Structure formats: structure tokens, C-alpha cells
Protein backbone atom coordinates (compact mmCIF):
# COMPACT_ATOMS: atom_id res chain seq x y z
CA MET A 1 15.85 202.77 37.50
CA ASP A 2 13.46 202.99 40.42
CA PHE A 3 15.61 203.85 43.42
CA ARG A 4 13.05 202.54 45.90
CA ASP A 5 12.93 199.09 44.28
CA ASN A 6 16.65 198.79 43.51
CA TRP A 7 18.37 200.58 46.40
CA ARG A 8 20.20 197.37 47.39
CA VAL A 9 21.87 197.22 43.97
CA ILE A 10 22.84 200.87 44.26
CA LEU A 11 24.27 200.21 47.73
CA LEU A 12 26.37 197.36 46.32
CA VAL A 13 27.68 199.63 43.55
CA VAL A 14 28.60 202.30 46.12
CA PHE A 15 30.55 199.74 48.19
CA LEU A 16 32.34 198.51 45.07
CA VAL A 17 33.32 202.06 44.07
CA VAL A 18 34.60 202.85 47.58
CA SER A 19 36.50 199.54 47.75
CA THR A 20 38.10 200.14 44.36
CA PHE A 21 39.15 203.61 45.49
CA ALA A 22 40.70 202.12 48.65
CA LEU A 23 42.53 199.49 46.59
CA PHE A 24 44.07 201.73 43.97
CA SER A 25 44.03 205.36 45.12
CA PRO A 26 47.46 206.57 46.37
CA GLY A 27 47.72 207.49 50.02
CA VAL A 28 44.72 205.50 51.21
CA GLY A 29 45.12 203.49 54.44
CA GLY A 30 45.18 203.69 58.21
CA ASP A 31 48.07 203.08 60.57
CA GLY A 32 47.77 199.43 61.09
CA GLY A 33 44.60 198.85 63.03
CA GLY A 34 44.09 197.56 66.50
CA ASP A 35 45.31 193.94 66.43
CA GLY A 36 48.78 194.86 67.49
CA ALA A 37 50.02 196.16 64.19
CA ALA A 38 52.90 198.47 64.62
CA VAL A 39 53.25 201.78 62.90
CA GLU A 40 53.84 202.31 59.23
CA THR A 41 53.49 199.86 56.32
CA THR A 42 54.37 200.05 52.66
CA SER A 43 52.31 198.89 49.71
CA ASP A 44 53.54 196.20 47.37
CA GLY A 45 52.62 196.57 43.69
CA PRO A 46 49.96 198.71 42.00
CA THR A 47 47.43 198.28 44.81
CA ASN A 48 47.36 199.53 48.40
CA LEU A 49 47.26 195.97 49.72
CA GLN A 50 49.76 195.11 52.42
CA PHE A 51 51.34 191.67 52.67
CA GLY A 52 52.36 190.01 55.89
CA LEU A 53 55.26 187.75 56.64
CA GLU A 54 54.06 184.72 54.68
CA LEU A 55 53.56 186.70 51.46
CA SER A 56 56.53 189.07 51.64
CA GLY A 57 59.19 187.17 53.60
CA GLY A 58 60.83 188.20 56.85
CA THR A 59 61.24 187.16 60.47
CA ARG A 60 58.80 186.11 63.17
CA ILE A 61 59.75 185.89 66.84
CA ARG A 62 57.46 184.41 69.47
CA ALA A 63 58.76 184.48 73.03
CA PRO A 64 57.64 184.97 76.64
CA ILE A 65 58.92 187.83 78.78
CA ASN A 66 61.62 187.11 81.33
CA GLY A 67 60.43 187.68 84.87
CA LEU A 68 58.92 186.47 88.13
CA THR A 69 55.89 187.97 89.86
CA ALA A 70 54.95 187.88 93.53
CA GLU A 71 51.23 188.48 94.00
CA ASP A 72 49.25 189.87 96.93
CA VAL A 73 52.39 191.14 98.66
CA ASP A 74 51.82 192.59 102.13
CA VAL A 75 53.58 195.98 102.12
CA PRO A 76 53.21 198.19 105.23
CA ARG A 77 51.14 201.32 104.70
CA GLY A 78 53.23 204.36 103.89
CA THR A 79 55.97 202.39 102.13
CA GLY A 80 56.65 203.64 98.62
CA PRO A 81 57.39 201.51 95.53
CA ALA A 82 61.01 202.70 95.39
CA THR A 83 61.61 201.46 98.93
CA VAL A 84 60.18 198.04 98.13
CA GLU A 85 62.22 197.78 94.93
CA GLY A 86 65.44 198.76 96.68
CA ARG A 87 64.98 196.30 99.56
CA VAL A 88 64.12 193.37 97.32
CA ALA A 89 66.94 194.11 94.86
CA GLY A 90 69.39 194.39 97.74
CA ASN A 91 68.68 190.78 98.68
CA LEU A 92 69.32 189.43 95.19
CA SER A 93 72.78 188.92 93.74
CA GLY A 94 73.51 190.88 90.56
CA VAL A 95 70.15 192.71 90.63
CA ASP A 96 69.66 196.45 91.01
CA ALA A 97 66.51 198.42 91.74
CA SER A 98 65.82 199.02 88.04
CA ASP A 99 65.33 195.25 87.63
CA VAL A 100 62.50 195.23 90.18
CA THR A 101 59.06 196.80 89.84
CA ALA A 102 56.55 197.17 92.68
CA ARG A 103 52.93 198.09 91.99
CA LEU A 104 51.02 198.92 95.14
CA ALA A 105 47.33 198.20 95.51
CA SER A 106 45.23 201.07 94.14
CA ALA A 107 42.21 201.79 92.02
CA GLN A 108 44.14 200.43 89.03
CA ASN A 109 45.70 197.47 90.85
CA GLU A 110 43.57 195.14 92.93
CA THR A 111 46.55 193.76 94.85
CA THR A 112 50.19 194.66 95.40
CA THR A 113 52.60 192.89 93.06
CA VAL A 114 56.39 192.80 92.93
CA GLU A 115 58.20 191.75 89.77
CA VAL A 116 61.85 190.93 89.17
CA PHE A 117 63.16 190.87 85.61
CA ALA A 118 66.67 189.41 85.95
CA ASP A 119 66.87 186.11 84.07
CA ASN A 120 69.32 184.59 86.56
CA VAL A 121 66.93 184.74 89.54
CA THR A 122 65.04 181.58 90.55
CA GLU A 123 61.67 181.45 92.29
CA ASP A 124 63.31 180.24 95.52
CA GLU A 125 65.78 183.13 95.50
CA PHE A 126 62.96 185.61 94.87
CA GLU A 127 60.91 184.16 97.72
CA ARG A 128 63.88 184.42 100.10
CA ALA A 129 64.52 188.01 99.01
CA LEU A 130 60.91 188.96 99.83
CA GLN A 131 61.09 187.24 103.20
CA GLN A 132 64.40 188.93 104.07
CA ALA A 133 62.87 192.28 103.14
CA GLY A 134 59.99 191.57 105.53
CA TYR A 135 57.22 191.23 102.93
CA ASP A 136 54.69 188.41 103.10
CA TYR A 137 53.15 187.25 99.81
CA GLU A 138 50.48 184.94 98.51
CA THR A 139 52.23 183.30 95.53
CA VAL A 140 55.30 183.63 93.32
CA ARG A 141 54.92 182.61 89.67
CA SER A 142 56.82 182.75 86.43
CA GLY A 143 55.84 185.56 84.07
CA VAL A 144 55.04 189.24 84.42
CA THR A 145 51.93 191.35 84.94
CA GLU A 146 49.66 192.64 82.20
CA GLN A 147 50.93 196.20 82.75
CA THR A 148 54.49 195.05 82.07
CA ARG A 149 53.44 193.16 78.95
CA ASN A 150 51.65 196.25 77.64
CA THR A 151 54.75 198.35 78.29
CA VAL A 152 57.01 195.85 76.51
CA VAL A 153 54.71 195.80 73.45
CA ARG A 154 54.53 199.61 73.33
CA ILE A 155 58.31 200.05 73.56
CA LEU A 156 58.97 197.34 70.97
CA ARG A 157 56.63 199.14 68.58
CA ASP A 158 58.53 202.35 69.23
CA LYS A 159 61.86 200.62 68.62
CA ILE A 160 60.65 199.23 65.30
CA SER A 161 59.31 202.65 64.31
CA LYS A 162 62.51 204.48 65.27
CA ALA A 163 64.59 201.90 63.40
CA GLY A 164 62.73 202.75 60.19
CA LEU A 165 61.54 199.17 59.67
CA SER A 166 58.19 199.16 57.87
CA GLY A 167 55.31 196.72 58.05
CA GLY A 168 56.21 195.37 61.49
CA ARG A 169 53.66 194.00 63.94
CA VAL A 170 54.01 193.49 67.67
CA GLN A 171 51.20 191.89 69.65
CA GLN A 172 50.43 189.82 72.71
CA VAL A 173 49.01 186.31 72.40
CA GLU A 174 47.66 184.03 75.10
CA THR A 175 47.57 180.26 74.71
CA ALA A 176 44.70 178.05 75.81
CA ASP A 177 46.56 177.12 79.02
CA GLY A 178 47.11 180.77 80.00
CA GLU A 179 50.71 181.30 78.83
CA ASN A 180 51.47 184.75 77.46
CA PHE A 181 53.81 185.46 74.55
CA VAL A 182 54.94 188.49 72.59
CA VAL A 183 54.89 187.97 68.82
CA ILE A 184 56.99 190.19 66.54
CA GLU A 185 56.61 189.94 62.76
CA MET A 186 58.97 191.91 60.54
CA PRO A 187 58.53 191.58 56.75
CA ASN A 188 61.64 191.90 54.56
CA THR A 189 63.98 191.83 57.57
CA ASN A 190 66.58 189.20 58.44
CA ARG A 191 66.52 187.34 61.74
CA THR A 192 69.73 188.77 63.18
CA GLU A 193 68.59 192.37 62.70
CA VAL A 194 65.26 191.73 64.41
CA GLU A 195 66.73 189.73 67.30
CA ASP A 196 69.37 192.38 67.98
CA LEU A 197 66.68 195.06 68.07
CA VAL A 198 63.93 193.43 70.14
CA THR A 199 65.63 190.92 72.44
CA GLU A 200 67.87 193.44 74.18
CA ARG A 201 66.42 195.63 76.91
CA GLY A 202 68.10 198.74 75.55
CA LYS A 203 68.90 200.12 79.00
CA VAL A 204 71.21 203.10 78.43
CA GLN A 205 73.27 204.78 81.15
CA VAL A 206 76.06 207.31 81.40
CA VAL A 207 78.36 206.01 84.13
CA ALA A 208 81.21 207.98 85.67
CA THR A 209 84.33 205.97 86.57
CA PHE A 210 87.01 207.73 88.61
CA PRO A 211 89.63 207.08 91.32
CA ALA A 212 88.17 206.78 94.78
CA GLN A 213 89.37 209.27 97.38
CA ASN A 214 91.21 208.46 100.64
CA GLN A 215 93.03 205.43 99.24
CA SER A 216 95.90 203.60 100.87
CA GLY A 217 98.47 201.38 99.18
CA ASN A 218 99.77 201.36 95.62
CA ASP A 219 96.71 200.00 93.79
CA THR A 220 94.19 202.59 92.67
CA LYS A 221 90.61 201.79 93.52
CA TYR A 222 87.81 203.07 91.32
CA ARG A 223 84.25 204.15 91.89
CA ARG A 224 81.45 203.73 89.32
CA GLU A 225 78.54 206.14 89.63
CA PRO A 226 75.53 205.94 87.24
CA LEU A 227 74.67 209.53 86.37
CA LEU A 228 72.17 209.55 83.50
CA SER A 229 69.55 207.24 82.01
CA GLN A 230 66.85 207.50 79.31
CA GLY A 231 64.47 209.64 81.35
CA ASP A 232 67.06 212.39 81.85
CA PHE A 233 67.12 213.59 78.23
CA SER A 234 64.77 216.28 76.92
CA SER A 235 66.02 216.05 73.33
CA ILE A 236 67.79 213.34 71.36
CA GLY A 237 69.34 214.06 67.97
CA SER A 238 70.04 211.77 65.04
CA ALA A 239 73.10 209.54 64.88
CA GLU A 240 75.87 211.29 62.96
CA GLU A 241 79.59 211.15 62.36
CA SER A 242 81.37 214.37 63.23
CA GLN A 243 84.93 215.24 62.33
CA GLY A 244 87.21 214.87 65.33
CA ILE A 245 84.50 213.16 67.40
CA GLY A 246 83.44 210.17 65.34
CA PRO A 247 80.03 208.46 65.43
CA ASN A 248 77.82 210.07 68.07
CA VAL A 249 74.32 211.02 69.15
CA PRO A 250 73.73 214.66 70.28
CA VAL A 251 71.59 214.94 73.42
CA VAL A 252 70.12 217.66 75.63
CA LEU A 253 69.44 217.09 79.34
CA ASN A 254 66.36 218.23 81.19
CA ASP A 255 66.81 220.89 83.88
CA GLU A 256 66.99 218.58 86.91
CA ALA A 257 69.34 216.10 85.26
CA ALA A 258 71.56 218.92 83.98
CA GLN A 259 71.98 220.34 87.47
CA ASN A 260 72.73 216.93 88.99
CA PHE A 261 75.19 216.11 86.20
CA SER A 262 77.01 219.42 86.61
CA ASN A 263 77.30 218.94 90.39
CA ALA A 264 78.63 215.39 89.91
CA MET A 265 81.28 216.50 87.42
CA ARG A 266 82.65 219.04 89.90
CA THR A 267 82.37 216.75 92.93
CA PHE A 268 84.06 213.74 91.27
CA GLY A 269 86.94 215.79 89.80
CA PHE A 270 86.03 215.55 86.11
CA ALA A 271 86.00 219.35 85.75
CA THR A 272 89.53 219.73 87.18
CA GLU A 273 92.16 216.99 87.44
CA GLY A 274 90.06 214.57 85.36
CA VAL A 275 90.16 216.62 82.14
CA GLY A 276 91.50 214.45 79.29
CA GLN A 277 92.45 211.63 81.66
CA CYS A 278 90.49 208.65 80.28
CA ARG A 279 92.83 205.72 79.50
CA TRP A 280 90.19 202.99 79.13
CA ARG A 281 91.18 201.90 75.62
CA THR A 282 94.87 201.58 76.40
CA ASN A 283 94.58 200.49 80.05
CA PRO A 284 91.09 199.27 81.02
CA GLU A 285 92.35 198.13 84.45
CA ASP A 286 93.49 201.68 85.29
CA PRO A 287 91.16 203.85 83.18
CA GLY A 288 91.46 207.18 84.98
CA TYR A 289 88.51 209.57 84.67
CA CYS A 290 86.06 208.16 82.11
CA LEU A 291 82.43 208.70 81.21
CA TYR A 292 81.13 205.36 80.00
CA THR A 293 78.20 204.97 77.62
CA VAL A 294 76.70 201.69 78.85
CA VAL A 295 74.00 199.76 76.94
CA ASP A 296 72.54 196.72 78.71
CA GLY A 297 75.54 196.60 81.04
CA GLU A 298 78.12 196.68 78.23
CA VAL A 299 80.44 199.64 77.76
CA VAL A 300 80.14 200.77 74.13
CA TYR A 301 82.31 203.86 74.53
CA ALA A 302 84.50 205.59 77.09
CA ALA A 303 84.70 209.37 76.72
CA ASN A 304 87.28 211.89 77.90
CA MET A 305 86.20 215.08 79.58
CA GLY A 306 87.05 217.87 77.16
CA GLU A 307 88.49 221.16 78.39
CA ARG A 308 85.73 223.29 76.85
CA LEU A 309 82.95 221.24 78.47
CA ALA A 310 84.84 221.08 81.77
CA GLN A 311 85.04 224.87 81.82
CA THR A 312 81.25 225.13 81.67
CA PHE A 313 81.10 222.89 84.76
CA ARG A 314 83.70 224.94 86.65
CA GLN A 315 81.90 228.18 85.83
CA GLU A 316 78.52 226.53 86.58
CA LYS A 317 77.23 227.50 83.14
CA PHE A 318 76.46 224.00 81.88
CA THR A 319 72.79 224.27 82.90
CA GLU A 320 72.37 227.26 80.55
CA SER A 321 72.95 224.97 77.55
CA PRO A 322 72.93 221.37 78.85
CA SER A 323 73.92 219.59 75.64
CA PHE A 324 76.74 217.23 74.72
CA VAL A 325 77.33 214.21 72.46
CA MET A 326 77.30 210.51 73.38
CA SER A 327 79.99 208.86 71.27
CA THR A 328 80.29 205.27 70.03
CA THR A 329 82.90 203.28 68.12
CA ASN A 330 80.91 202.99 64.86
CA MET A 331 77.74 204.26 63.16
CA SER A 332 75.87 200.99 63.76
CA GLU A 333 76.27 201.43 67.52
CA ALA A 334 75.34 205.11 67.23
CA ARG A 335 72.09 204.29 65.42
CA GLU A 336 71.27 201.59 67.95
CA LEU A 337 72.00 204.02 70.79
CA GLN A 338 69.65 206.58 69.23
CA ILE A 339 66.87 203.96 68.95
CA HIS A 340 67.24 202.95 72.61
CA LEU A 341 67.30 206.55 73.81
CA ASN A 342 64.19 207.46 71.82
CA ALA A 343 62.12 204.35 72.55
CA GLY A 344 63.17 203.83 76.15
CA ALA A 345 64.39 200.75 77.96
CA LEU A 346 62.35 197.57 78.03
CA PRO A 347 61.37 196.73 81.61
CA ALA A 348 62.21 193.09 80.82
CA SER A 349 63.85 191.14 78.05
CA LEU A 350 62.33 188.39 75.90
CA ASP A 351 63.19 184.81 76.85
CA MET A 352 64.44 183.43 73.55
CA GLU A 353 65.33 180.07 75.11
CA GLN A 354 61.62 179.48 75.70
CA GLY A 355 60.59 181.13 72.45
CA THR A 356 60.83 180.43 68.75
CA SER A 357 61.97 182.37 65.72
CA TYR A 358 62.13 181.70 62.02
CA PHE A 359 63.03 183.46 58.81
CA LEU A 360 61.14 183.13 55.52
CA ALA A 361 63.09 184.08 52.42
CA PRO A 362 61.39 186.75 50.25
CA SER A 363 61.86 184.54 47.18
CA LEU A 364 59.83 181.77 48.80
CA ALA A 365 57.19 184.29 49.89
CA GLU A 366 56.85 185.45 46.28
CA GLU A 367 56.10 181.86 45.32
CA PHE A 368 53.41 181.70 48.01
CA LYS A 369 51.91 184.89 46.60
CA LEU A 370 51.88 183.45 43.08
CA TYR A 371 50.37 180.16 44.22
CA SER A 372 47.71 182.03 46.21
CA LEU A 373 46.71 183.95 43.09
CA ILE A 374 46.59 180.77 41.04
CA THR A 375 44.49 179.05 43.73
CA GLY A 376 42.03 181.95 43.76
CA LEU A 377 41.71 181.94 39.97
CA VAL A 378 41.18 178.17 39.93
CA ALA A 379 38.49 178.51 42.60
CA VAL A 380 36.70 181.20 40.58
CA ALA A 381 36.96 179.14 37.39
CA ALA A 382 35.63 176.00 39.12
CA VAL A 383 32.70 177.90 40.59
CA SER A 384 31.93 179.57 37.25
CA ILE A 385 31.87 176.26 35.37
CA SER A 386 29.73 174.59 38.04
CA VAL A 387 27.19 177.42 38.10
CA PHE A 388 26.80 177.58 34.32
CA LEU A 389 26.48 173.80 34.10
CA ARG A 390 23.88 173.85 36.88
CA TYR A 391 21.63 176.54 35.42
CA GLY A 392 22.55 177.07 31.80
CA ASP A 393 20.80 180.44 31.98
CA PRO A 394 23.08 183.50 31.86
CA ARG A 395 20.36 185.59 33.57
CA VAL A 396 20.86 183.48 36.70
CA ALA A 397 24.51 182.45 36.50
CA ALA A 398 26.23 185.69 35.41
CA PRO A 399 24.81 187.92 38.20
CA MET A 400 25.62 185.13 40.66
CA LEU A 401 29.32 185.15 39.75
CA VAL A 402 29.56 188.94 39.64
CA THR A 403 27.89 189.21 43.04
CA ALA A 404 30.15 186.56 44.59
CA LEU A 405 33.29 188.28 43.29
CA SER A 406 31.95 191.61 44.57
CA GLU A 407 32.28 190.26 48.11
CA VAL A 408 35.99 189.60 47.52
CA VAL A 409 36.53 193.09 46.07
CA ILE A 410 34.81 194.69 49.07
CA LEU A 411 36.88 192.60 51.48
CA LEU A 412 40.10 193.53 49.68
CA GLY A 413 39.11 197.20 49.79
CA PHE A 414 38.50 196.92 53.51
CA ALA A 415 41.90 195.24 53.99
CA ALA A 416 43.60 198.00 51.98
CA ALA A 417 41.79 200.76 53.90
CA ILE A 418 42.94 199.50 57.32
CA GLN A 419 46.30 198.27 55.96
CA LEU A 420 45.72 194.70 57.14
CA PRO A 421 48.86 192.67 56.32
CA LEU A 422 47.52 189.75 54.29
CA ASP A 423 48.83 186.27 55.02
CA LEU A 424 47.95 182.80 53.79
CA SER A 425 45.24 182.52 56.45
CA HIS A 426 43.48 185.58 55.01
CA ILE A 427 43.74 184.15 51.48
CA ALA A 428 42.12 180.94 52.74
CA GLY A 429 39.36 183.10 54.19
CA PHE A 430 38.78 184.80 50.83
CA ILE A 431 38.45 181.43 49.11
CA ALA A 432 36.04 180.26 51.81
CA VAL A 433 33.99 183.45 51.29
CA ILE A 434 33.70 182.69 47.56
CA GLY A 435 32.45 179.18 48.33
CA THR A 436 29.94 180.08 51.03
CA GLY A 437 28.76 183.09 49.02
CA VAL A 438 27.97 181.03 45.94
CA ASP A 439 26.27 178.43 48.13
CA ASP A 440 23.90 181.07 49.45
CA LEU A 441 23.24 182.48 45.99
CA ILE A 442 22.42 178.98 44.73
CA ILE A 443 19.91 178.60 47.57
CA ILE A 444 18.26 181.85 46.48
CA ALA A 445 18.17 180.85 42.80
CA ASP A 446 16.85 177.35 43.51
CA GLU A 447 14.13 178.62 45.82
CA VAL A 448 13.01 181.32 43.39
CA MET A 449 12.92 178.86 40.45
CA SER A 450 11.62 175.88 42.44
CA GLU A 451 8.21 176.00 40.77
CA GLY A 452 9.26 177.10 37.31
CA ASP A 453 9.68 180.59 35.93
CA VAL A 454 8.27 183.40 37.99
CA ASN A 455 6.75 186.48 36.36
CA SER A 456 5.21 188.26 39.34
CA SER A 457 7.35 190.43 41.62
CA ARG A 458 5.08 189.59 44.54
CA VAL A 459 5.63 185.85 44.08
CA PHE A 460 9.37 186.44 43.62
CA GLN A 461 9.57 188.40 46.89
CA SER A 462 7.72 185.68 48.76
CA ARG A 463 10.11 182.98 47.56
CA PHE A 464 13.14 185.22 48.09
CA ARG A 465 12.20 185.91 51.70
CA LYS A 466 11.87 182.19 52.33
CA ALA A 467 15.36 181.59 50.91
CA PHE A 468 16.79 184.53 52.82
CA TRP A 469 15.65 183.07 56.13
CA VAL A 470 17.64 179.93 55.31
CA ILE A 471 20.86 181.76 54.41
CA GLY A 472 20.41 184.13 57.38
CA ALA A 473 20.27 181.15 59.75
CA ALA A 474 23.33 179.62 58.04
CA ALA A 475 25.20 182.92 58.36
CA ALA A 476 24.38 183.17 62.06
CA THR A 477 25.65 179.62 62.58
CA THR A 478 28.91 180.43 60.77
CA ILE A 479 29.47 183.60 62.79
CA ILE A 480 28.82 181.81 66.09
CA ALA A 481 31.16 178.96 65.12
CA MET A 482 33.96 181.32 64.00
CA SER A 483 33.69 183.85 66.84
CA PRO A 484 35.90 181.93 69.33
CA LEU A 485 38.63 181.61 66.69
CA ALA A 486 38.39 185.33 65.93
CA VAL A 487 38.62 186.35 69.59
CA LEU A 488 41.23 183.91 70.88
CA SER A 489 44.88 184.44 69.93
CA LEU A 490 45.28 181.23 67.93
CA GLY A 491 47.70 182.43 65.28
CA ASP A 492 46.69 181.87 61.66
CA LEU A 493 43.22 180.59 62.63
CA GLN A 494 42.36 184.06 63.87
CA GLY A 495 42.99 185.69 60.49
CA PHE A 496 40.95 183.02 58.71
CA ALA A 497 38.03 183.45 61.12
CA ILE A 498 38.00 187.27 60.91
CA VAL A 499 37.94 187.29 57.08
CA THR A 500 35.23 184.62 57.01
CA ILE A 501 33.01 186.50 59.48
CA LEU A 502 33.44 189.77 57.57
CA GLY A 503 32.63 188.01 54.31
CA VAL A 504 29.46 186.49 55.76
CA LEU A 505 28.31 189.87 57.12
CA ILE A 506 28.97 191.60 53.80
CA GLY A 507 27.07 188.85 52.02
CA VAL A 508 24.00 188.91 54.26
CA LEU A 509 23.78 192.70 54.51
CA ILE A 510 24.85 193.79 51.01
CA THR A 511 25.50 191.26 48.25
CA ARG A 512 22.72 188.66 48.79
CA PRO A 513 19.93 191.28 48.87
CA ALA A 514 21.47 192.97 45.81
CA TYR A 515 21.51 189.65 43.94
CA GLY A 516 17.83 189.23 44.80
CA ASP A 517 17.03 192.63 43.26
CA ILE A 518 19.07 191.84 40.13
CA LEU A 519 17.40 188.45 39.73
CA ARG A 520 13.96 189.98 40.23
CA SER A 521 14.62 192.57 37.53
CA LEU A 522 15.75 189.89 35.08
CA MET A 523 13.20 187.18 35.88
CA THR A 524 9.96 189.11 36.37
CA SER A 525 7.93 191.25 34.03
CA LYS A 526 5.52 192.85 36.48
């Protein structure tokens, strides 16, 4: 074979070999690509192909983020974000500073914005809180900033990864009217498990509860002091069940947090009279000295101060080895606590009242997979019969079918290499690629054979170039028409458009020229 005359065929063979390797070789694949795919995926069957929600079953959640944003806020120079957050939160009932985020104007932020993430705050209440704090603003709107959305997506991906759930995707989508949603897709996972994981903020605190000093009267008054949160831990162990302790998560504090924690334990009496004095389970109204593990405002465990740990506080040796365990009532809570500690707290929760969720049973997804395969085989059979009836010449028809199917193999290899989770929209794109590919090959064959058999390579090339201009223009039209669907977040239409565009590019750059070389070799003698 003359390499110079048949390099397009050789290029097609190379792409087919690489695609086959990507499809079947163990360990091939990326980490999910850049369309919002989260973390790890697992292959299904003998190939490396990944299947999305519609072909494997699972749960999809689509919801906006709870929050209000004040834009172009006038904050006096020299005022820090913490000051703004504290003042605004102080004017809102049931809101603390961690529920407010201020981003001052800088090189990254064109204007100053203030966000509040409590779902019980109305726009009017937020506006009054800003006015009472002395901050003028341009507008107050529903929704959060892009930075907050990016943070929510990142943390949700981390939560899914830490939970050991494979094949999950988390991404942002924007509707045509400017609304922003977070979409979570979790194959092979039930709805309750996903909702529990991603709809809670996962805000973890260690809160000290103890009798207040200088009391009068018979009723004991208690103070609650938040001591630790996610950012205070330098190391977080795996959830375990220890004898005598029960389900727990071992943690190690960073240096600053360890010193502050040690000082608080001595100051609040936990290292002396508070040792072993937590009565929360038997008498929650008069709990004594308790260290609460609080997740999203709910106490999941109340711990006693043990004598051994208290001694390290009294001797001021706790900072030398600042480790302890955070206990829970069961292993499920312990695992959830570990996930929240590792991934961090969401700045805002998802608004499920304004969102949607559904669960697709794996058995139904298997039927979709079977029907997709049958549809693809029927499409190939229909095309094969039509082509052979049209030409009746195996020299024209057989290479046409092989070349058209080569496009599908290359596309599947690409999907396996980047671990693209295939859904019904992608399958529709593959079928469309088969149809448009054969259309273009028919144009080439008809143009080449328009004036009877051709024996001269020079005449063949002239006719082929004429046909290629036609299919090139058609390909450009298809790409231009599909580009908005591929760019905009329009759900399933996006997957269909991306596969179609890739198929057209592969056809114009690789398979159509290769078919021309094959046809030339078979149809010409000089």
C-alpha cells in the first residue's frame, strides 16, 4: 500500500485501534470530564462505557440554592467582611454570622455583595436589616452569587466522593430566563439517600453547654458556647465503633483551635467540677456540663468530659496531642458526621420546595438500555438494506457501511476514554450520526458515479472534491445549528447536540476522506 495515497485510510485504522483499546482495555478512562461530572465512575459490563441515570437507574435532583443577595452595597472603607456579616445577622431573627456572606469590591468582585442563606428570611426583612446596619444598596434579589454556586457544587462533589457513591454528577444549569439550578445525578442510588446527603448544609459544631455563673434563684440557667467547627480540624479519621465509646469519629485539632479549646475547657469548668456531669439524655432541661455534637442545628450526641481528657486540660498538656473522638448514637450518624467534616459545610442549602427530584428504578433503566441497543441495530439494518438496494454493488455499499459504523466506534471510544455517562440523549445522537454519515457517503458515491464508471484517479479526485464541498457545507450548517444547544444548559438536548457535533467533525475530518480513498482504490485502475 502506498502510504502517500492512502494515509487517510491508515489514519482511520489508527483511530479505530485506539478507540477499541479505550473501549475494552482495563483501567482506561479519565475522571469525569469538565461538564460537572463528579469524581469516580464504574464501568458496566465488558466495556469501559459508563451509563448515566437513564440507562442505569438512580436519582436526579434539580433545585435552586436558598438565599438572597444584595448587590452594590455601600460599605464604608476600612470595614471588614466579618463586621458586615455580624451587623446584618444581628438584625435578623434566628440568623447568625455564618448564615451571611459579604464580598467586598476587589479585583475579583466588581461590586460589594451581601448574601443571607437562611430560608426563613424575606426580601423585606433583609432590606430592613441592611438599612438598620447603615448600608445602602442598589437591589435585593432572590438567589446567590456565582461564587457561592461554585462553592456549593464543589462541596457537593466532595460529599458524594467521601460517601463512596460512584458515577455521580453535580453541575450548574441556567435556564433561558436566567434562573440558576444545581443538578445532582446519582446512578444506582435511592432518592432518600441522595436527599439526606445533598440537601442538608452539613454545618458541624462542637458546642459547650454549662451552668452560667453568678445565678440567683432556684432555676439553673445555662450558657451555650460554640467552640469548634469544620475549619478547626487538621485531621479527621474514619467512622468506627469503639468498645466503651460507641460509634465515633476520631479528630485532631489544629494548633490555634487546640489552644482555644483547652482554655475554654478550663474557663467553663469542664476540666474540674464538670467532669462526668452531663445529664442530657436523662434530663435535657438540666443537662449539666455537656459537649454537644451539633449538625445543622440538631444535637446528635452529648458527651461527658472524661477524667483522663480533663487532666490534660488541667495540666495544660492537651495542645501536645490535641486529639479526641466525636461520638454519635449510631454508625449511620458517625459516617454522616465524617462526610460533613471532610467535605465542609455548604454555605447554603438547596431549596427543594422550588426544585424537583425523581427516582428511576434500575430494572426500568435496564429496559431502556436493551431498547436502545435494539433501536441501534434496527437503524443499522435499515441503512444496510437501503444502501444495498440503492447500489447493488458491494464495492460501493460495503465500504460505506463499514465507514459509517466506524464513526460510532470512534465516538464510543471517545466516550469511554473521558468516562462520559451515556444517557438516552447520547444514544439519539449516535443514531443521528449514523443517518447523517450515510447521507454524506451517498452524496460522495452518487457524485463519483454520476457519469458512469470511473477508471482514472484524476477524474475520481475531481468528482470527489466536488462532493466533499457539498458535505463540508452541510457539516458546517449542522455544527452552527447545534452549537447553541451544546453550549446552553438545556438538559438532554445538550448531550444530543454534543454527540452530533463530534460525529460530524469525525466524519468530515476522518471517515469521509477515508471512504473516498477506499472507493478510489476499488473503482479506479490507474
